[in-house]
């Protein structure tokens, strides 16, 4: 434990993020590719920050401006590698800012799912130099771990330099290292680019360490899938599935009932109470807090939501920044936008949209309505087709509806406007002035029926007109032939 504390107090982390990532086939730098809704490098940074290192050094190159803009909120020492001359060269660029007594943890930025437990185990290791290895059934592209007859580590041979026999080795380098800073600085100056890639390999310093008589420990991590990187969109998709499986397993262990673990995406943090149910094809992002007995229907998307116990979100509803009380019912096909605040037992029905709406207990908008910049009291009924007209083209205005108000269907409430407690608004009304409490207010034009009105003639094409005229002429001739013997006239 003492060794771990000493290393943690003097720990410097180097993250290599200078690669171009051409195999991703995108204009976005590889390490900014999204994994579970955020750049993959952020996953690694959040893990590393839990070690409380003295400094994190980010070696960057391709797409530097995009990378620095995306990580502007993170405290980093930005190290530019202007020439891509290998991993050894990349690490050497960061070494001037690292004191000799430090321990140096080296990580690859495109390995987003490195577990914290692994890094803590490395810091617990008594050796100054630690290398993490893994076994892969298909190790193509990875450096192979070479061992002597006693099983002791001797070196790493890269894929391009390995013999046919060495390429059969399934234990490979993960790209995760822990070094003593003073020795690492010395080894880096001795690197050579005399290899198939003409680059300075960081892996070569391990053989130097052994040659110098220093102990090198290998830590073989059993969960190899979480140590792999993403160089292609296909590999990134595999990491996405792995991450989702990890998150779903945590929810299942917490007692959440999930209809199909393969069809739930978590892109943030989810806190769930007891007896929560999540149906298929649901996406949860940001920070979602689900109370006891909350039910999320199929196809729903929730972002930064807090749902009280017993609340049901029915199929294909979209909720963002929603706070609701207990036993609310939302959906199906509801859209609750930021600022929606629901008290207990509120109903937001199908094809209802809310935004900046505060709705009191037992109120309901069952279907086909828009409530924007609205404040509703308790036991309010919003009829179908009702909208709050909250925007005049320049400013947003508030609609205030007191307790026990009944709003008839197809009503437009032109804000700013207030509806008094217990008021009734007649269906089809346009309300532009305050409505008094306890009274019926309506706004309708007089219904009129035009007795002499006739439907306009049907418009037809010239071809259809010619056909119609021919048929009419034929019918007229036939009619004359029939009536001529009787000398009768047809009108």
Protein backbone atom coordinates (compact mmCIF):
# COMPACT_ATOMS: atom_id res chain seq x y z
CA UNK A 1 0.00 0.00 0.00
CA UNK A 2 2.93 2.32 0.73
CA UNK A 3 4.28 1.80 -2.79
CA UNK A 4 0.88 2.57 -4.25
CA UNK A 5 0.57 5.77 -2.24
CA UNK A 6 4.08 6.86 -3.23
CA UNK A 7 3.37 6.27 -6.91
CA UNK A 8 -0.05 7.92 -6.81
CA UNK A 9 1.43 11.03 -5.18
CA UNK A 10 4.08 11.24 -7.90
CA UNK A 11 2.05 9.83 -10.75
CA UNK A 12 2.15 11.44 -14.17
CA UNK A 13 -0.02 10.08 -16.97
CA UNK A 14 0.86 10.31 -20.66
CA UNK A 15 -2.00 9.72 -23.09
CA UNK A 16 -1.05 9.26 -26.74
CA UNK A 17 -3.61 10.93 -29.00
CA UNK A 18 -1.62 12.15 -32.01
CA UNK A 19 -2.69 9.49 -34.51
CA UNK A 20 -4.68 10.48 -37.58
CA UNK A 21 -7.00 7.50 -37.63
CA UNK A 22 -7.40 7.33 -41.38
CA UNK A 23 -9.18 3.98 -41.20
CA UNK A 24 -12.10 5.67 -39.47
CA UNK A 25 -12.80 7.48 -42.76
CA UNK A 26 -14.06 10.65 -41.11
CA UNK A 27 -13.04 14.29 -40.73
CA UNK A 28 -13.33 13.97 -36.95
CA UNK A 29 -10.13 13.00 -35.07
CA UNK A 30 -10.25 9.34 -34.12
CA UNK A 31 -10.25 9.89 -30.37
CA UNK A 32 -13.25 12.24 -30.66
CA UNK A 33 -15.39 9.55 -32.22
CA UNK A 34 -18.46 9.12 -29.97
CA UNK A 35 -18.83 6.16 -27.66
CA UNK A 36 -22.09 6.07 -25.70
CA UNK A 37 -22.77 9.69 -26.62
CA UNK A 38 -19.41 11.26 -25.75
CA UNK A 39 -15.90 11.25 -27.27
CA UNK A 40 -14.08 8.03 -26.56
CA UNK A 41 -11.11 9.88 -25.05
CA UNK A 42 -13.39 11.30 -22.35
CA UNK A 43 -14.12 7.79 -21.09
CA UNK A 44 -10.40 7.22 -20.58
CA UNK A 45 -9.84 10.66 -19.03
CA UNK A 46 -12.65 10.14 -16.53
CA UNK A 47 -11.06 6.84 -15.48
CA UNK A 48 -7.58 8.33 -15.15
CA UNK A 49 -8.82 11.29 -13.12
CA UNK A 50 -9.98 8.88 -10.42
CA UNK A 51 -6.30 8.08 -9.78
CA UNK A 52 -5.71 11.75 -8.82
CA UNK A 53 -2.45 12.04 -10.79
CA UNK A 54 -0.17 15.03 -10.47
CA UNK A 55 -0.54 15.78 -14.16
CA UNK A 56 -2.10 14.34 -17.30
CA UNK A 57 -0.04 14.97 -20.44
CA UNK A 58 -1.94 14.64 -23.72
CA UNK A 59 0.25 14.13 -26.75
CA UNK A 60 -1.65 15.46 -29.76
CA UNK A 61 -1.02 16.01 -33.45
CA UNK A 62 -3.70 15.46 -36.09
CA UNK A 63 -6.84 17.53 -35.47
CA UNK A 64 -5.29 19.46 -32.61
CA UNK A 65 -7.71 22.38 -32.79
CA UNK A 66 -10.76 20.12 -32.69
CA UNK A 67 -9.28 18.09 -29.85
CA UNK A 68 -8.42 21.11 -27.71
CA UNK A 69 -11.86 22.63 -28.29
CA UNK A 70 -13.58 19.40 -27.28
CA UNK A 71 -11.50 19.06 -24.09
CA UNK A 72 -11.25 22.73 -23.11
CA UNK A 73 -12.82 21.99 -19.71
CA UNK A 74 -10.20 19.37 -18.77
CA UNK A 75 -6.97 20.29 -16.98
CA UNK A 76 -4.28 18.90 -19.28
CA UNK A 77 -0.69 19.54 -20.30
CA UNK A 78 -0.95 19.73 -24.09
CA UNK A 79 2.10 18.23 -25.80
CA UNK A 80 2.41 18.64 -29.57
CA UNK A 81 3.96 15.83 -31.63
CA UNK A 82 4.37 17.66 -34.92
CA UNK A 83 6.02 14.67 -36.63
CA UNK A 84 4.56 11.18 -36.35
CA UNK A 85 7.71 9.17 -35.59
CA UNK A 86 6.31 6.40 -33.44
CA UNK A 87 5.13 5.81 -29.89
CA UNK A 88 8.60 6.19 -28.40
CA UNK A 89 8.99 9.61 -30.01
CA UNK A 90 5.50 10.59 -28.79
CA UNK A 91 6.31 9.74 -25.17
CA UNK A 92 9.64 11.56 -25.36
CA UNK A 93 7.83 14.80 -26.23
CA UNK A 94 6.10 14.78 -22.83
CA UNK A 95 9.11 13.83 -20.70
CA UNK A 96 10.58 17.36 -20.22
CA UNK A 97 7.57 18.25 -18.06
CA UNK A 98 7.88 15.16 -15.85
CA UNK A 99 10.21 15.13 -12.80
CA UNK A 100 12.79 12.35 -12.42
CA UNK A 101 11.23 10.92 -9.27
CA UNK A 102 7.81 10.41 -10.86
CA UNK A 103 6.11 7.25 -12.02
CA UNK A 104 4.83 7.44 -15.60
CA UNK A 105 1.65 5.70 -16.69
CA UNK A 106 1.36 5.50 -20.49
CA UNK A 107 -2.02 4.93 -22.17
CA UNK A 108 -3.47 5.02 -25.66
CA UNK A 109 -6.29 7.53 -26.23
CA UNK A 110 -8.22 5.18 -28.50
CA UNK A 111 -8.58 2.58 -25.72
CA UNK A 112 -11.61 4.08 -23.94
CA UNK A 113 -12.72 1.18 -21.74
CA UNK A 114 -9.58 0.53 -19.70
CA UNK A 115 -10.93 -0.41 -16.24
CA UNK A 116 -9.96 1.56 -13.16
CA UNK A 117 -9.31 -1.70 -11.30
CA UNK A 118 -6.54 -2.55 -13.76
CA UNK A 119 -4.76 0.78 -13.28
CA UNK A 120 -5.03 0.48 -9.50
CA UNK A 121 -3.56 -3.03 -9.68
CA UNK A 122 -0.64 -1.66 -11.68
CA UNK A 123 0.05 0.97 -9.02
CA UNK A 124 -0.03 -1.76 -6.38
CA UNK A 125 2.66 -3.72 -8.22
CA UNK A 126 6.04 -3.67 -6.50
CA UNK A 127 8.01 -3.49 -9.75
CA UNK A 128 9.06 -0.13 -11.13
CA UNK A 129 8.17 -1.19 -14.66
CA UNK A 130 4.84 -2.89 -15.40
CA UNK A 131 3.46 -4.05 -18.73
CA UNK A 132 -0.17 -5.12 -19.22
CA UNK A 133 -0.72 -8.05 -21.58
CA UNK A 134 -3.75 -9.93 -22.85
CA UNK A 135 -4.54 -13.03 -24.87
CA UNK A 136 -6.36 -12.75 -28.19
CA UNK A 137 -7.56 -15.57 -30.41
CA UNK A 138 -6.95 -13.29 -33.42
CA UNK A 139 -3.87 -11.23 -32.48
CA UNK A 140 -3.13 -9.76 -35.90
CA UNK A 141 -1.73 -6.25 -35.67
CA UNK A 142 -0.64 -6.47 -32.03
CA UNK A 143 2.91 -6.72 -30.68
CA UNK A 144 3.66 -10.25 -29.43
CA UNK A 145 5.00 -10.97 -25.95
CA UNK A 146 8.27 -12.91 -26.02
CA UNK A 147 9.27 -15.07 -23.06
CA UNK A 148 12.21 -17.32 -22.26
CA UNK A 149 11.98 -21.01 -21.43
CA UNK A 150 11.24 -20.17 -17.81
CA UNK A 151 8.33 -18.02 -18.87
CA UNK A 152 10.01 -14.76 -18.01
CA UNK A 153 9.28 -11.74 -20.18
CA UNK A 154 12.14 -10.82 -22.53
CA UNK A 155 10.78 -8.42 -25.18
CA UNK A 156 7.92 -7.31 -27.44
CA UNK A 157 8.10 -7.94 -31.16
CA UNK A 158 5.83 -5.90 -33.40
CA UNK A 159 3.63 -7.60 -36.00
CA UNK A 160 5.60 -6.22 -38.94
CA UNK A 161 8.91 -7.46 -37.51
CA UNK A 162 7.72 -10.83 -36.18
CA UNK A 163 8.64 -14.15 -37.74
CA UNK A 164 5.98 -16.62 -38.84
CA UNK A 165 6.54 -18.56 -35.63
CA UNK A 166 6.30 -15.44 -33.45
CA UNK A 167 3.07 -14.42 -35.15
CA UNK A 168 1.45 -17.55 -33.73
CA UNK A 169 1.83 -16.16 -30.19
CA UNK A 170 -1.55 -15.16 -28.72
CA UNK A 171 -0.28 -13.15 -25.73
CA UNK A 172 -0.01 -9.56 -26.94
CA UNK A 173 0.85 -6.08 -25.75
CA UNK A 174 -2.09 -3.97 -24.57
CA UNK A 175 -0.24 -0.66 -24.91
CA UNK A 176 -0.51 0.10 -21.18
CA UNK A 177 2.77 0.69 -19.28
CA UNK A 178 4.09 1.98 -15.97
CA UNK A 179 7.71 3.27 -15.91
CA UNK A 180 10.06 5.09 -13.53
CA UNK A 181 10.55 8.52 -15.09
CA UNK A 182 14.34 8.80 -14.75
CA UNK A 183 14.99 5.42 -16.37
CA UNK A 184 12.38 5.99 -19.06
CA UNK A 185 14.03 9.26 -20.08
CA UNK A 186 17.36 7.45 -20.42
CA UNK A 187 15.91 4.58 -22.45
CA UNK A 188 14.06 6.88 -24.84
CA UNK A 189 17.33 8.54 -25.90
CA UNK A 190 18.64 5.12 -26.99
CA UNK A 191 15.71 4.22 -29.26
CA UNK A 192 16.36 3.40 -32.90
CA UNK A 193 14.08 3.54 -35.94
CA UNK A 194 15.82 0.53 -37.51
CA UNK A 195 12.66 -1.53 -37.98
CA UNK A 196 10.01 -2.29 -40.60
CA UNK A 197 8.01 0.86 -39.79
CA UNK A 198 11.07 3.13 -39.48
CA UNK A 199 9.66 4.41 -36.16
CA UNK A 200 10.80 4.69 -32.56
CA UNK A 201 8.92 1.93 -30.77
CA UNK A 202 8.13 2.53 -27.11
CA UNK A 203 8.06 -1.26 -26.71
CA UNK A 204 11.83 -1.42 -27.24
CA UNK A 205 12.50 0.25 -23.87
CA UNK A 206 11.26 -2.88 -22.10
CA UNK A 207 14.13 -4.94 -23.47
CA UNK A 208 16.45 -2.10 -22.40
CA UNK A 209 15.03 -2.28 -18.88
CA UNK A 210 15.81 -6.00 -18.69
CA UNK A 211 19.28 -5.41 -20.08
CA UNK A 212 19.84 -2.82 -17.35
CA UNK A 213 18.88 -5.42 -14.72
CA UNK A 214 15.58 -3.77 -13.77
CA UNK A 215 12.56 -5.86 -12.86
CA UNK A 216 9.77 -5.83 -15.45
CA UNK A 217 6.44 -7.29 -14.37
CA UNK A 218 3.78 -8.41 -16.81
CA UNK A 219 0.18 -8.18 -15.71
CA UNK A 220 -2.11 -10.31 -17.88
CA UNK A 221 -5.63 -8.93 -17.66
CA UNK A 222 -8.33 -11.57 -18.22
CA UNK A 223 -10.95 -9.22 -19.77
CA UNK A 224 -9.10 -8.59 -23.01
CA UNK A 225 -12.10 -7.08 -24.78
CA UNK A 226 -12.05 -3.94 -22.62
CA UNK A 227 -8.36 -3.31 -23.41
CA UNK A 228 -8.73 -3.19 -27.15
CA UNK A 229 -8.68 -0.02 -29.22
CA UNK A 230 -10.78 1.33 -32.06
CA UNK A 231 -9.07 1.97 -35.38
CA UNK A 232 -12.15 1.42 -37.56
CA UNK A 233 -15.85 2.14 -37.30
CA UNK A 234 -16.44 -1.61 -36.96
CA UNK A 235 -14.12 -1.82 -33.95
CA UNK A 236 -15.75 1.25 -32.44
CA UNK A 237 -19.16 -0.40 -32.82
CA UNK A 238 -17.84 -3.46 -30.98
CA UNK A 239 -16.66 -1.26 -28.11
CA UNK A 240 -20.07 0.44 -28.06
CA UNK A 241 -21.78 -2.93 -27.62
CA UNK A 242 -19.31 -3.91 -24.91
CA UNK A 243 -19.91 -0.67 -23.04
CA UNK A 244 -23.68 -1.08 -23.30
CA UNK A 245 -23.45 -4.62 -22.00
CA UNK A 246 -21.44 -3.40 -19.01
CA UNK A 247 -23.96 -0.67 -18.20
CA UNK A 248 -26.97 -2.97 -18.60
CA UNK A 249 -25.37 -5.54 -16.30
CA UNK A 250 -25.03 -2.88 -13.60
CA UNK A 251 -28.75 -2.08 -13.90
CA UNK A 252 -29.71 -5.74 -13.81
CA UNK A 253 -27.61 -6.23 -10.68
CA UNK A 254 -29.44 -3.26 -9.13
CA UNK A 255 -32.77 -5.04 -9.71
CA UNK A 256 -34.00 -3.23 -12.82
CA UNK A 257 -36.15 -5.40 -15.09
CA UNK A 258 -35.06 -4.97 -18.70
CA UNK A 259 -37.15 -6.48 -21.47
CA UNK A 260 -34.16 -7.14 -23.73
CA UNK A 261 -30.62 -6.26 -22.57
CA UNK A 262 -29.49 -6.10 -26.20
CA UNK A 263 -31.94 -3.31 -26.98
CA UNK A 264 -31.19 -0.69 -24.35
CA UNK A 265 -28.64 2.11 -24.84
CA UNK A 266 -27.24 4.04 -21.90
CA UNK A 267 -25.32 7.21 -22.74
CA UNK A 268 -24.75 8.64 -19.31
CA UNK A 269 -25.66 7.77 -15.72
CA UNK A 270 -28.82 5.96 -14.64
CA UNK A 271 -29.98 5.74 -11.02
CA UNK A 272 -32.93 3.42 -10.55
CA UNK A 273 -35.15 2.52 -7.61
CA UNK A 274 -36.94 -0.74 -6.96
CA UNK A 275 -39.16 -2.55 -9.47
CA UNK A 276 -38.21 -0.32 -12.40
CA UNK A 277 -39.09 -1.70 -15.84
CA UNK A 278 -37.46 -0.66 -19.14
CA UNK A 279 -38.91 -1.93 -22.41
CA UNK A 280 -37.09 -2.42 -25.73
CA UNK A 281 -35.29 0.19 -27.86
CA UNK A 282 -35.01 2.75 -25.07
CA UNK A 283 -32.20 5.35 -25.01
CA UNK A 284 -31.21 6.94 -21.67
CA UNK A 285 -28.69 9.78 -21.79
CA UNK A 286 -27.33 12.43 -19.46
CA UNK A 287 -28.28 11.74 -15.85
CA UNK A 288 -31.58 9.91 -15.50
CA UNK A 289 -33.09 9.18 -12.09
CA UNK A 290 -35.93 6.67 -12.06
CA UNK A 291 -37.96 6.27 -8.89
CA UNK A 292 -39.50 3.06 -7.59
CA UNK A 293 -41.89 1.29 -9.98
CA UNK A 294 -41.17 3.63 -12.89
CA UNK A 295 -42.01 2.06 -16.24
CA UNK A 296 -40.44 3.13 -19.53
CA UNK A 297 -42.25 1.96 -22.66
CA UNK A 298 -40.73 0.84 -25.96
CA UNK A 299 -38.92 3.30 -28.19
CA UNK A 300 -38.64 6.07 -25.58
CA UNK A 301 -35.76 8.56 -25.39
CA UNK A 302 -34.96 10.22 -22.04
CA UNK A 303 -32.25 12.80 -21.36
CA UNK A 304 -31.51 14.29 -17.92
CA UNK A 305 -34.84 13.29 -16.41
CA UNK A 306 -36.06 12.73 -12.85
CA UNK A 307 -39.19 10.60 -12.68
CA UNK A 308 -41.10 10.09 -9.45
CA UNK A 309 -42.21 6.68 -8.23
CA UNK A 310 -44.98 4.97 -10.14
CA UNK A 311 -44.60 7.17 -13.22
CA UNK A 312 -45.27 5.57 -16.59
CA UNK A 313 -43.70 6.77 -19.81
CA UNK A 314 -45.62 5.14 -22.65
CA UNK A 315 -44.33 4.13 -26.06
CA UNK A 316 -42.28 6.40 -28.32
CA UNK A 317 -42.17 9.41 -26.03
CA UNK A 318 -39.24 11.85 -25.92
CA UNK A 319 -38.36 13.56 -22.62
CA UNK A 320 -35.59 16.08 -22.01
CA UNK A 321 -34.87 17.83 -18.73
CA UNK A 322 -38.16 16.65 -17.22
CA UNK A 323 -38.88 16.61 -13.48
CA UNK A 324 -42.07 14.90 -12.46
CA UNK A 325 -43.74 13.78 -9.29
CA UNK A 326 -45.31 10.45 -8.47
CA UNK A 327 -47.70 8.39 -10.59
CA UNK A 328 -47.58 10.60 -13.67
CA UNK A 329 -48.54 9.20 -17.05
CA UNK A 330 -46.69 10.48 -20.12
CA UNK A 331 -47.40 9.40 -23.69
CA UNK A 332 -47.62 7.57 -25.92
CA UNK A 333 -45.96 9.82 -28.51
CA UNK A 334 -45.50 12.69 -26.06
CA UNK A 335 -42.71 15.25 -26.37
CA UNK A 336 -41.70 16.87 -23.10
CA UNK A 337 -39.01 19.44 -23.75
CA UNK A 338 -36.64 21.21 -21.32
CA UNK A 339 -38.24 22.94 -18.39
CA UNK A 340 -41.20 20.58 -18.08
CA UNK A 341 -42.13 20.21 -14.41
CA UNK A 342 -45.00 17.92 -13.45
CA UNK A 343 -46.53 17.52 -9.98
CA UNK A 344 -48.10 14.26 -8.80
CA UNK A 345 -50.54 12.35 -11.02
CA UNK A 346 -50.29 14.57 -14.06
CA UNK A 347 -51.25 13.15 -17.44
CA UNK A 348 -49.51 14.20 -20.64
CA UNK A 349 -51.17 12.23 -23.42
CA UNK A 350 -50.49 11.28 -27.00
CA UNK A 351 -49.11 13.94 -29.33
CA UNK A 352 -48.85 16.52 -26.54
CA UNK A 353 -45.80 18.78 -26.46
CA UNK A 354 -44.63 20.73 -23.43
CA UNK A 355 -41.81 23.22 -22.91
CA UNK A 356 -41.07 25.37 -19.87
CA UNK A 357 -44.40 24.15 -18.52
CA UNK A 358 -45.13 23.82 -14.81
CA UNK A 359 -48.21 21.66 -14.33
CA UNK A 360 -49.99 21.12 -11.03
CA UNK A 361 -51.22 17.89 -9.48
CA UNK A 362 -54.03 15.92 -11.15
CA UNK A 363 -54.00 18.12 -14.25
CA UNK A 364 -54.16 16.57 -17.67
CA UNK A 365 -53.60 17.30 -21.33
CA UNK A 366 -54.74 14.10 -22.93
CA UNK A 367 -54.05 14.66 -26.62
CA UNK A 368 -52.93 16.90 -29.46
CA UNK A 369 -51.92 19.99 -27.48
CA UNK A 370 -48.97 22.36 -27.06
CA UNK A 371 -48.17 23.89 -23.67
CA UNK A 372 -45.19 26.23 -23.89
CA UNK A 373 -44.14 28.77 -21.25
CA UNK A 374 -47.22 27.82 -19.25
CA UNK A 375 -48.04 27.60 -15.57
CA UNK A 376 -50.98 25.36 -14.74
CA UNK A 377 -52.58 24.86 -11.37
CA UNK A 378 -54.15 21.69 -10.02
CA UNK A 379 -56.97 19.69 -11.62
CA UNK A 380 -56.77 21.58 -14.91
CA UNK A 381 -58.24 19.93 -17.99
CA UNK A 382 -56.70 20.82 -21.34
CA UNK A 383 -58.95 19.87 -24.26
CA UNK A 384 -57.68 18.34 -27.49
CA UNK A 385 -56.08 20.75 -29.93
CA UNK A 386 -55.37 23.46 -27.34
CA UNK A 387 -52.23 25.54 -27.75
CA UNK A 388 -50.55 28.32 -25.84
CA UNK A 389 -49.42 31.00 -28.29
CA UNK A 390 -46.31 31.98 -26.37
CA UNK A 391 -44.08 33.61 -29.01
CA UNK A 392 -44.83 36.90 -30.75
CA UNK A 393 -41.83 36.71 -33.06
CA UNK A 394 -39.56 38.54 -30.65
CA UNK A 395 -40.30 37.50 -27.05
CA UNK A 396 -41.72 34.56 -25.14
CA UNK A 397 -44.76 35.18 -22.89
CA UNK A 398 -46.36 33.25 -20.04
CA UNK A 399 -49.80 31.67 -19.94
CA UNK A 400 -51.15 31.27 -16.39
CA UNK A 401 -54.01 28.87 -15.70
CA UNK A 402 -55.32 28.62 -12.15
CA UNK A 403 -56.76 25.58 -10.34
CA UNK A 404 -59.83 23.71 -11.59
CA UNK A 405 -59.91 25.33 -15.02
CA UNK A 406 -61.54 23.56 -17.95
CA UNK A 407 -60.15 24.47 -21.37
CA UNK A 408 -62.35 23.33 -24.23
CA UNK A 409 -60.99 21.67 -27.33
CA UNK A 410 -59.29 23.62 -30.13
CA UNK A 411 -58.58 26.68 -27.99
CA UNK A 412 -55.80 29.19 -28.58
CA UNK A 413 -54.50 31.01 -25.51
CA UNK A 414 -52.59 34.08 -26.69
CA UNK A 415 -50.00 34.96 -24.06
CA UNK A 416 -49.56 36.87 -21.91
CA UNK A 417 -52.90 35.77 -20.53
CA UNK A 418 -54.33 34.47 -17.26
CA UNK A 419 -57.28 32.15 -16.71
CA UNK A 420 -58.92 32.47 -13.29
CA UNK A 421 -59.66 29.58 -10.94
CA UNK A 422 -62.62 27.42 -11.89
CA UNK A 423 -63.08 29.14 -15.26
CA UNK A 424 -64.50 27.39 -18.30
CA UNK A 425 -63.21 28.21 -21.78
CA UNK A 426 -65.58 27.23 -24.57
CA UNK A 427 -64.33 24.99 -27.35
CA UNK A 428 -62.95 26.69 -30.43
CA UNK A 429 -62.12 29.92 -28.62
CA UNK A 430 -59.27 32.33 -29.17
CA UNK A 431 -58.53 33.92 -25.80
CA UNK A 432 -56.40 37.06 -25.94
CA UNK A 433 -57.54 38.69 -22.69
CA UNK A 434 -57.66 37.43 -19.13
CA UNK A 435 -60.63 35.19 -18.34
CA UNK A 436 -62.35 35.69 -14.96
CA UNK A 437 -62.58 32.97 -12.33
CA UNK A 438 -65.66 30.76 -12.22
CA UNK A 439 -67.13 32.07 -15.48
CA UNK A 440 -67.61 30.69 -18.98
CA UNK A 441 -65.53 32.59 -21.51
CA UNK A 442 -65.66 31.90 -25.21
CA UNK A 443 -64.82 33.56 -28.47
CA UNK A 444 -66.62 32.41 -31.60
CA UNK A 445 -67.85 33.95 -34.82
CA UNK A 446 -71.55 33.46 -35.66
CA UNK A 447 -72.25 30.21 -37.47
CA UNK A 448 -73.86 30.88 -40.87
CA UNK A 449 -75.35 28.64 -43.55
CA UNK A 450 -75.61 30.06 -47.09
CA UNK A 451 -78.83 28.70 -48.55
CA UNK A 452 -78.07 29.43 -52.22
CA UNK A 453 -74.51 28.14 -52.15
CA UNK A 454 -73.53 25.66 -54.84
CA UNK A 455 -70.38 23.59 -55.09
CA UNK A 456 -67.95 24.80 -57.78
CA UNK A 457 -67.79 22.80 -60.99
CA UNK A 458 -65.23 20.06 -60.96
CA UNK A 459 -62.10 20.99 -62.82
CA UNK A 460 -61.16 18.49 -65.54
CA UNK A 461 -58.33 18.24 -68.03
CA UNK A 462 -58.82 19.07 -71.72
CA UNK A 463 -58.71 15.36 -72.57
CA UNK A 464 -61.31 14.55 -69.96
CA UNK A 465 -63.40 17.51 -71.15
CA UNK A 466 -63.33 16.23 -74.76
CA UNK A 467 -64.30 12.74 -73.59
CA UNK A 468 -67.12 14.12 -71.51
CA UNK A 469 -68.42 16.26 -74.41
CA UNK A 470 -68.36 13.26 -76.78
CA UNK A 471 -70.29 11.14 -74.31
CA UNK A 472 -72.81 13.93 -73.86
CA UNK A 473 -73.30 14.32 -77.64
CA UNK A 474 -73.82 10.58 -78.07
CA UNK A 475 -76.28 10.47 -75.23
CA UNK A 476 -78.16 13.46 -76.67
CA UNK A 477 -78.43 11.86 -80.15
CA UNK A 478 -79.69 8.62 -78.69
CA UNK A 479 -82.23 10.46 -76.64
CA UNK A 480 -83.61 12.30 -79.70
CA UNK A 481 -83.91 9.06 -81.62
CA UNK A 482 -85.96 7.59 -78.82
CA UNK A 483 -88.33 10.51 -78.39
CA UNK A 484 -88.88 11.53 -82.04
CA UNK A 485 -91.67 8.94 -82.72
CA UNK A 486 -93.66 10.31 -79.81
CA UNK A 487 -92.86 13.98 -80.63
CA UNK A 488 -91.86 14.52 -76.96
CA UNK A 489 -89.32 17.07 -75.87
CA UNK A 490 -86.69 16.33 -73.27
CA UNK A 491 -85.66 19.14 -70.95
